[in-house]
Amino acid sequence: MVKRVISKLVSTIYRLLFILIGKLPAKDIIMFESFLGKQFSDNPRAIYEYMLDKYPQYIMYWSADKRYLESFTHENIRCVKRLSLRWVVLMARSKYWITNSRLPLWIKKPKHTSYIQTWHGTPLKKLAADMKQVHMPGTDTEQYKFNFINEAKKWDYLISPNAYSSRIFKRAFQYKKRIIESGYPRNDFLLNNNENDKIKLLKKRLNLPMDKKILLYAPTWRDNLFYEKGRYRFNIPLDLKQMQSQLGEGYIVLLRLHYLVAENLDISDFKGFVYDFSLHHDIRELYLVSDILITDYSSVFFDYANLKRPMLFYVYDIEEYRDNLRGFYMDFETEAPGPLIKTTEHLINEIKNIEVTGYHESDKLKYFYDTFCYLEDGFASERVVKEIFN
């Protein structure tokens, strides 16, 4: 009870400070944030990297969650602790905010600030106003939608990877301002670095074996499996022991859990076969070094499709997820650009089959690529920046 009162008092003080400081003149500052300050990654990173040398008139800061500050300082970038007093001052005086997820509800955007929302994926699962029921902790369906739509009213620009996403974003976010339909800036890296020499250098830097193929397992989170607000449970549903037994000679597995998943994985029994890259700052490097993607309902497969490599969908709980948790925008079961799999044994057989027969680009993948990846050409960051800053 005491903690709640103190927390409410602090947020009230911060809100008032933000409003007051926001009345001061703007400075040539751009604030970047990715996944609530947990990563130096995604679309904000791609835009930042493009602007770094070309727009020296701006001072660029990254908003960093205090638990992840070390990863930002390791990258030698200018950052500020998220929700600190200095962060409040910088945010309130900035000309631009560039982020891929929502900001705290109490923030009132100053008139001099442009808010660029890049979002973080082509939508498969239902979003915001399109969701029938919300199963997340600390909210209910009505409150969740109200908060989301109010947040979207603050956005001045919304980045979209394709026409399909633009249609959904407008409706789900009830967004009525400027959409930049450009392709995703984060995918420029894939288009510009998909070369053997560069991939070998990446593997060396990540300390991965050169003589084995790489399976990237990148599942999403489940709304109804949580510890508390913002911290979700996830137990790996794959039989890693069986996979090691049958695939360990020629493969390794990289695990990349969703940024909202709070698990500390114990993979000590699978040393040399399973590597946990859940805290690796940017998944785009993991895409490049991997030979096969294993996912479920995560939007990662829309990005991975740019590489035209095999994708396997481990959807052991598809009926529950589709009918009770989120629901899908597309007919996932017929349009997914790879086989749907429910058991580890089936997954292993599919991997072995690819090894024996090779991977052939299917008509389904061609259609998927033409529908969702047609704007991806390695220049999305440039298009976005020129649209906003020129």
Protein backbone atom coordinates (compact mmCIF):
# COMPACT_ATOMS: atom_id res chain seq x y z
CA MET A 1 0.00 0.00 0.00
CA VAL A 2 2.81 2.42 0.97
CA LYS A 3 4.75 1.52 -2.22
CA ARG A 4 1.68 2.24 -4.33
CA VAL A 5 1.18 5.68 -2.73
CA ILE A 6 4.87 6.58 -3.22
CA SER A 7 4.75 5.37 -6.83
CA LYS A 8 1.65 7.47 -7.54
CA LEU A 9 3.26 10.54 -5.94
CA VAL A 10 6.46 10.11 -8.00
CA SER A 11 4.52 9.70 -11.26
CA THR A 12 2.49 12.86 -10.47
CA ILE A 13 5.71 14.85 -9.85
CA TYR A 14 7.23 13.48 -13.07
CA ARG A 15 4.11 14.36 -15.06
CA LEU A 16 4.12 17.94 -13.78
CA LEU A 17 7.88 18.30 -14.40
CA PHE A 18 7.43 16.99 -17.92
CA ILE A 19 4.70 19.53 -18.68
CA LEU A 20 6.70 22.43 -17.23
CA ILE A 21 9.99 21.55 -18.94
CA GLY A 22 8.12 20.87 -22.18
CA LYS A 23 7.16 24.55 -22.31
CA LEU A 24 10.82 25.54 -22.68
CA PRO A 25 12.24 25.89 -26.22
CA ALA A 26 13.15 22.67 -28.01
CA LYS A 27 16.76 21.61 -28.54
CA ASP A 28 18.19 19.75 -31.54
CA ILE A 29 17.84 16.45 -29.70
CA ILE A 30 16.49 13.12 -30.96
CA MET A 31 15.54 10.47 -28.39
CA PHE A 32 15.61 6.84 -29.55
CA GLU A 33 14.10 3.87 -27.73
CA SER A 34 13.66 0.21 -28.62
CA PHE A 35 11.49 -2.28 -26.73
CA LEU A 36 11.03 -0.13 -23.61
CA GLY A 37 14.74 0.69 -23.41
CA LYS A 38 15.87 -2.93 -23.28
CA GLN A 39 17.74 -3.05 -26.59
CA PHE A 40 19.85 -1.10 -29.06
CA SER A 41 17.95 -2.62 -31.95
CA ASP A 42 15.18 -2.76 -34.51
CA ASN A 43 13.84 0.11 -36.66
CA PRO A 44 15.05 2.88 -34.32
CA ARG A 45 18.59 1.51 -34.54
CA ALA A 46 18.49 1.37 -38.34
CA ILE A 47 17.28 4.99 -38.52
CA TYR A 48 19.91 6.06 -35.96
CA GLU A 49 22.72 4.36 -37.89
CA TYR A 50 21.63 6.00 -41.14
CA MET A 51 21.48 9.46 -39.51
CA LEU A 52 24.71 9.18 -37.53
CA ASP A 53 27.00 10.72 -40.13
CA LYS A 54 24.47 12.44 -42.36
CA TYR A 55 22.74 14.62 -39.75
CA PRO A 56 25.49 15.92 -37.41
CA GLN A 57 23.35 18.89 -36.35
CA TYR A 58 21.31 16.62 -34.07
CA ILE A 59 22.37 15.29 -30.66
CA MET A 60 21.09 11.72 -30.49
CA TYR A 61 20.40 9.85 -27.25
CA TRP A 62 19.20 6.33 -26.52
CA SER A 63 16.71 5.70 -23.74
CA ALA A 64 18.07 2.72 -21.75
CA ASP A 65 16.40 0.63 -19.05
CA LYS A 66 18.74 0.70 -16.03
CA ARG A 67 18.96 -3.13 -16.08
CA TYR A 68 20.39 -3.02 -19.61
CA LEU A 69 22.62 0.05 -19.43
CA GLU A 70 25.80 -1.98 -19.80
CA SER A 71 24.83 -3.23 -23.25
CA PHE A 72 24.36 0.37 -24.41
CA THR A 73 27.66 1.62 -22.98
CA HIS A 74 29.36 -1.41 -24.53
CA GLU A 75 28.17 -0.16 -27.93
CA ASN A 76 29.76 3.22 -27.14
CA ILE A 77 26.58 5.20 -27.82
CA ARG A 78 25.20 8.19 -25.98
CA CYS A 79 22.44 6.95 -23.67
CA VAL A 80 20.41 8.07 -20.67
CA LYS A 81 18.74 5.99 -17.96
CA ARG A 82 15.06 5.59 -18.79
CA LEU A 83 12.67 7.37 -16.38
CA SER A 84 15.50 9.24 -14.62
CA LEU A 85 15.22 13.01 -14.06
CA ARG A 86 17.78 13.61 -16.82
CA TRP A 87 15.66 11.46 -19.15
CA VAL A 88 12.60 13.59 -18.34
CA VAL A 89 14.51 16.78 -19.16
CA LEU A 90 15.90 15.41 -22.44
CA MET A 91 12.57 13.95 -23.54
CA ALA A 92 10.72 17.20 -22.80
CA ARG A 93 13.27 19.33 -24.72
CA SER A 94 13.65 16.97 -27.72
CA LYS A 95 12.53 17.78 -31.23
CA TYR A 96 11.97 14.12 -32.09
CA TRP A 97 11.11 10.83 -30.36
CA ILE A 98 11.74 7.65 -32.34
CA THR A 99 10.54 4.42 -30.73
CA ASN A 100 9.15 1.01 -31.70
CA SER A 101 6.78 0.48 -28.77
CA ARG A 102 4.57 2.56 -26.52
CA LEU A 103 5.87 5.19 -24.10
CA PRO A 104 4.59 5.58 -20.51
CA LEU A 105 0.96 6.73 -20.37
CA TRP A 106 1.67 9.78 -18.19
CA ILE A 107 3.87 11.49 -20.79
CA LYS A 108 2.34 14.58 -22.39
CA LYS A 109 3.98 15.28 -25.73
CA PRO A 110 5.25 18.89 -26.02
CA LYS A 111 4.03 20.91 -29.01
CA HIS A 112 7.60 21.18 -30.35
CA THR A 113 8.14 17.40 -30.43
CA SER A 114 7.46 15.08 -33.38
CA TYR A 115 6.76 11.50 -32.30
CA ILE A 116 7.83 8.85 -34.84
CA GLN A 117 6.39 5.42 -34.07
CA THR A 118 8.18 2.73 -36.08
CA TRP A 119 6.30 -0.23 -34.53
CA HIS A 120 8.04 -3.59 -34.51
CA GLY A 121 6.55 -6.00 -36.99
CA THR A 122 4.13 -6.87 -39.75
CA PRO A 123 1.03 -8.00 -37.83
CA LEU A 124 -0.08 -11.63 -37.84
CA LYS A 125 -1.91 -11.61 -34.50
CA LYS A 126 -4.70 -9.15 -33.70
CA LEU A 127 -3.66 -5.77 -32.30
CA ALA A 128 -5.21 -3.15 -30.01
CA ALA A 129 -8.78 -2.24 -31.07
CA ASP A 130 -9.04 -5.43 -33.15
CA MET A 131 -8.54 -7.70 -30.12
CA LYS A 132 -11.73 -9.30 -28.80
CA GLN A 133 -10.35 -10.10 -25.35
CA VAL A 134 -7.19 -8.96 -23.55
CA HIS A 135 -5.60 -11.53 -21.21
CA MET A 136 -2.64 -9.44 -20.01
CA PRO A 137 -2.07 -8.64 -16.32
CA GLY A 138 -2.83 -5.24 -14.82
CA THR A 139 -5.53 -4.27 -17.31
CA ASP A 140 -8.81 -5.35 -18.91
CA THR A 141 -9.98 -5.29 -22.52
CA GLU A 142 -11.67 -1.88 -22.38
CA GLN A 143 -8.81 -0.16 -20.51
CA TYR A 144 -6.14 -1.70 -22.73
CA LYS A 145 -7.82 -0.48 -25.92
CA PHE A 146 -8.49 2.98 -24.46
CA ASN A 147 -4.85 3.40 -23.41
CA PHE A 148 -3.52 2.15 -26.73
CA ILE A 149 -5.71 4.42 -28.84
CA ASN A 150 -4.88 7.44 -26.64
CA GLU A 151 -1.17 6.71 -27.09
CA ALA A 152 -1.59 6.46 -30.87
CA LYS A 153 -3.11 9.95 -30.93
CA LYS A 154 0.31 11.30 -29.88
CA TRP A 155 2.08 9.78 -32.91
CA ASP A 156 2.92 12.18 -35.74
CA TYR A 157 4.35 9.52 -38.06
CA LEU A 158 3.84 5.76 -38.21
CA ILE A 159 6.23 3.56 -40.22
CA SER A 160 4.66 0.71 -42.18
CA PRO A 161 6.46 -2.13 -43.99
CA ASN A 162 3.74 -2.74 -46.62
CA ALA A 163 0.17 -1.94 -47.70
CA TYR A 164 -1.23 -4.90 -45.71
CA SER A 165 0.20 -3.45 -42.48
CA SER A 166 -0.96 0.10 -43.27
CA ARG A 167 -4.58 -1.04 -43.54
CA ILE A 168 -4.40 -2.90 -40.23
CA PHE A 169 -2.52 -0.14 -38.37
CA LYS A 170 -5.08 2.50 -39.36
CA ARG A 171 -7.94 0.41 -37.99
CA ALA A 172 -6.32 -1.31 -35.00
CA PHE A 173 -4.61 1.84 -33.68
CA GLN A 174 -7.42 4.13 -34.94
CA TYR A 175 -4.58 6.16 -36.37
CA LYS A 176 -5.40 9.16 -38.58
CA LYS A 177 -2.10 10.96 -39.15
CA ARG A 178 0.86 10.33 -41.48
CA ILE A 179 1.83 6.76 -42.43
CA ILE A 180 5.17 6.28 -44.17
CA GLU A 181 4.84 3.07 -46.18
CA SER A 182 8.52 2.44 -46.78
CA GLY A 183 9.50 -1.13 -45.96
CA TYR A 184 11.12 -1.68 -42.58
CA PRO A 185 14.40 0.16 -41.90
CA ARG A 186 15.65 -2.77 -39.80
CA ASN A 187 15.60 -5.03 -42.86
CA ASP A 188 18.14 -2.88 -44.73
CA PHE A 189 20.82 -4.75 -42.77
CA LEU A 190 19.63 -8.11 -44.15
CA LEU A 191 19.54 -6.91 -47.75
CA ASN A 192 22.95 -5.22 -47.52
CA ASN A 193 24.87 -7.91 -45.62
CA ASN A 194 23.62 -11.23 -46.99
CA GLU A 195 27.04 -12.31 -48.26
CA ASN A 196 29.13 -15.32 -47.24
CA ASP A 197 32.19 -13.33 -46.13
CA LYS A 198 30.12 -11.04 -43.93
CA ILE A 199 28.20 -13.97 -42.44
CA LYS A 200 31.46 -15.76 -41.58
CA LEU A 201 32.75 -12.66 -39.80
CA LEU A 202 29.49 -12.45 -37.84
CA LYS A 203 29.73 -16.09 -36.76
CA LYS A 204 33.30 -15.52 -35.63
CA ARG A 205 32.32 -12.46 -33.60
CA LEU A 206 29.43 -14.35 -31.98
CA ASN A 207 31.76 -17.29 -31.15
CA LEU A 208 29.70 -19.79 -33.14
CA PRO A 209 31.14 -22.95 -34.74
CA MET A 210 31.85 -22.63 -38.47
CA ASP A 211 31.33 -26.29 -39.26
CA LYS A 212 27.68 -26.62 -38.19
CA LYS A 213 24.37 -25.39 -39.52
CA ILE A 214 22.34 -23.06 -37.32
CA LEU A 215 18.70 -23.38 -36.26
CA LEU A 216 17.26 -20.13 -34.90
CA TYR A 217 14.33 -20.69 -32.51
CA ALA A 218 12.46 -17.39 -32.03
CA PRO A 219 8.96 -17.85 -30.54
CA THR A 220 6.58 -15.14 -29.37
CA TRP A 221 5.05 -14.68 -25.89
CA ARG A 222 1.66 -15.88 -24.63
CA ASP A 223 -0.64 -13.20 -23.23
CA ASN A 224 -2.03 -15.48 -20.50
CA LEU A 225 1.28 -16.85 -19.18
CA PHE A 226 2.78 -14.22 -16.88
CA TYR A 227 4.39 -13.46 -13.54
CA GLU A 228 3.22 -9.86 -13.44
CA LYS A 229 2.64 -6.92 -15.75
CA GLY A 230 5.43 -6.81 -18.34
CA ARG A 231 7.02 -10.15 -17.26
CA TYR A 232 5.84 -13.26 -19.09
CA ARG A 233 6.52 -16.97 -18.59
CA PHE A 234 7.70 -19.27 -21.33
CA ASN A 235 8.73 -22.90 -20.99
CA ILE A 236 10.51 -24.18 -24.08
CA PRO A 237 8.12 -26.73 -25.62
CA LEU A 238 10.81 -28.40 -27.75
CA ASP A 239 12.43 -31.65 -26.63
CA LEU A 240 16.00 -30.33 -26.77
CA LYS A 241 17.41 -33.68 -25.62
CA GLN A 242 15.82 -35.44 -28.58
CA MET A 243 17.01 -32.73 -30.95
CA GLN A 244 20.58 -32.95 -29.63
CA SER A 245 20.55 -36.71 -30.00
CA GLN A 246 19.41 -36.64 -33.63
CA LEU A 247 20.80 -33.34 -34.91
CA GLY A 248 23.79 -32.58 -32.68
CA GLU A 249 26.36 -33.84 -35.17
CA GLY A 250 25.56 -31.20 -37.77
CA TYR A 251 23.50 -28.47 -36.08
CA ILE A 252 23.36 -26.03 -33.21
CA VAL A 253 20.31 -24.17 -31.85
CA LEU A 254 20.20 -20.44 -31.07
CA LEU A 255 17.41 -19.49 -28.66
CA ARG A 256 15.93 -16.03 -28.98
CA LEU A 257 12.97 -15.47 -26.64
CA HIS A 258 10.69 -12.42 -26.88
CA TYR A 259 11.81 -9.29 -25.00
CA LEU A 260 8.79 -9.56 -22.64
CA VAL A 261 9.70 -13.10 -21.54
CA ALA A 262 11.39 -13.05 -18.14
CA GLU A 263 12.81 -16.59 -17.97
CA ASN A 264 16.41 -17.28 -17.00
CA LEU A 265 17.05 -20.38 -19.06
CA ASP A 266 19.13 -23.24 -17.76
CA ILE A 267 20.69 -24.82 -20.83
CA SER A 268 23.75 -26.23 -19.07
CA ASP A 269 22.78 -29.77 -20.12
CA PHE A 270 23.06 -28.79 -23.78
CA LYS A 271 26.42 -27.04 -23.84
CA GLY A 272 27.81 -26.85 -27.36
CA PHE A 273 24.39 -27.52 -28.89
CA VAL A 274 22.04 -24.84 -27.50
CA TYR A 275 23.08 -21.18 -27.19
CA ASP A 276 20.88 -18.61 -25.46
CA PHE A 277 20.88 -15.35 -27.43
CA SER A 278 17.72 -13.93 -25.82
CA LEU A 279 19.66 -10.93 -24.52
CA HIS A 280 21.60 -10.36 -27.73
CA HIS A 281 20.96 -6.73 -28.68
CA ASP A 282 19.70 -7.24 -32.22
CA ILE A 283 18.02 -10.26 -33.81
CA ARG A 284 19.00 -9.20 -37.34
CA GLU A 285 22.49 -10.68 -36.84
CA LEU A 286 20.92 -13.97 -35.75
CA TYR A 287 18.79 -14.03 -38.90
CA LEU A 288 21.88 -13.69 -41.07
CA VAL A 289 23.92 -16.44 -39.42
CA SER A 290 21.06 -18.96 -39.27
CA ASP A 291 20.23 -21.57 -41.90
CA ILE A 292 16.67 -22.33 -40.78
CA LEU A 293 14.16 -20.30 -38.74
CA ILE A 294 11.90 -22.08 -36.26
CA THR A 295 9.13 -19.84 -34.95
CA ASP A 296 5.41 -19.81 -34.18
CA TYR A 297 3.22 -16.69 -34.36
CA SER A 298 6.03 -14.16 -34.02
CA SER A 299 6.30 -11.51 -36.72
CA VAL A 300 9.97 -12.49 -37.17
CA PHE A 301 9.04 -14.66 -40.14
CA PHE A 302 7.93 -11.61 -42.17
CA ASP A 303 11.48 -10.24 -41.86
CA TYR A 304 13.22 -13.58 -42.30
CA ALA A 305 11.36 -14.12 -45.59
CA ASN A 306 13.68 -11.49 -47.11
CA LEU A 307 16.51 -14.03 -46.93
CA LYS A 308 14.46 -16.69 -48.79
CA ARG A 309 15.65 -19.44 -46.43
CA PRO A 310 13.63 -22.31 -44.90
CA MET A 311 11.08 -21.51 -42.17
CA LEU A 312 9.39 -24.06 -39.90
CA PHE A 313 6.41 -23.17 -37.70
CA TYR A 314 6.30 -24.99 -34.35
CA VAL A 315 2.65 -24.34 -33.39
CA TYR A 316 1.86 -26.90 -30.70
CA ASP A 317 -0.90 -24.64 -29.26
CA ILE A 318 -2.35 -23.15 -32.43
CA GLU A 319 -6.03 -23.80 -31.59
CA GLU A 320 -5.70 -22.10 -28.18
CA TYR A 321 -3.72 -19.18 -29.57
CA ARG A 322 -5.95 -18.66 -32.61
CA ASP A 323 -9.34 -19.10 -30.93
CA ASN A 324 -8.83 -17.85 -27.36
CA LEU A 325 -5.76 -15.62 -27.07
CA ARG A 326 -5.24 -13.39 -30.10
CA GLY A 327 -6.66 -14.54 -33.42
CA PHE A 328 -4.96 -13.92 -36.76
CA TYR A 329 -5.33 -11.35 -39.54
CA MET A 330 -4.42 -13.81 -42.28
CA ASP A 331 -5.32 -17.44 -42.87
CA PHE A 332 -2.13 -18.54 -41.16
CA GLU A 333 -2.75 -22.26 -41.59
CA THR A 334 -2.86 -22.03 -45.38
CA GLU A 335 -0.66 -18.97 -46.01
CA ALA A 336 2.29 -19.56 -43.66
CA PRO A 337 5.46 -19.80 -45.83
CA GLY A 338 6.50 -23.14 -44.32
CA PRO A 339 5.07 -26.29 -42.74
CA LEU A 340 3.07 -26.17 -39.47
CA ILE A 341 4.51 -28.59 -36.91
CA LYS A 342 3.20 -29.82 -33.54
CA THR A 343 5.82 -32.30 -32.30
CA THR A 344 9.60 -32.32 -31.91
CA GLU A 345 9.77 -35.54 -33.91
CA HIS A 346 8.00 -33.92 -36.87
CA LEU A 347 10.30 -30.90 -36.59
CA ILE A 348 13.42 -33.10 -36.70
CA ASN A 349 12.06 -34.96 -39.75
CA GLU A 350 11.45 -31.68 -41.60
CA ILE A 351 15.00 -30.50 -40.86
CA LYS A 352 16.45 -33.80 -42.08
CA ASN A 353 14.30 -33.63 -45.19
CA ILE A 354 15.67 -30.17 -46.05
CA GLU A 355 19.19 -31.52 -45.59
CA VAL A 356 18.56 -34.46 -47.95
CA THR A 357 16.46 -32.85 -50.68
CA GLY A 358 17.68 -29.25 -50.38
CA TYR A 359 15.49 -26.19 -50.04
CA HIS A 360 13.42 -25.10 -52.99
CA GLU A 361 11.58 -21.80 -53.01
CA SER A 362 7.88 -22.70 -53.16
CA ASP A 363 5.08 -20.85 -54.94
CA LYS A 364 3.70 -20.13 -51.49
CA LEU A 365 6.92 -18.37 -50.43
CA LYS A 366 7.02 -16.41 -53.72
CA TYR A 367 3.46 -15.19 -53.12
CA PHE A 368 4.29 -14.38 -49.49
CA TYR A 369 7.42 -12.45 -50.50
CA ASP A 370 5.55 -10.48 -53.18
CA THR A 371 2.78 -9.60 -50.71
CA PHE A 372 4.82 -8.61 -47.65
CA CYS A 373 8.43 -7.94 -48.70
CA TYR A 374 8.01 -6.06 -51.98
CA LEU A 375 9.26 -2.75 -50.54
CA GLU A 376 12.39 -4.20 -48.95
CA ASP A 377 15.35 -3.12 -51.08
CA GLY A 378 17.97 -1.99 -48.54
CA PHE A 379 16.95 1.70 -48.66
CA ALA A 380 13.98 1.91 -46.26
CA SER A 381 15.95 3.90 -43.65
CA GLU A 382 16.85 6.49 -46.25
CA ARG A 383 13.22 6.83 -47.36
CA VAL A 384 11.97 7.27 -43.80
CA VAL A 385 14.61 9.83 -42.83
CA LYS A 386 14.19 11.91 -45.97
CA GLU A 387 10.41 11.91 -45.52
CA ILE A 388 10.66 13.23 -41.96
CA PHE A 389 13.84 15.32 -41.78
CA ASN A 390 13.96 16.84 -45.28
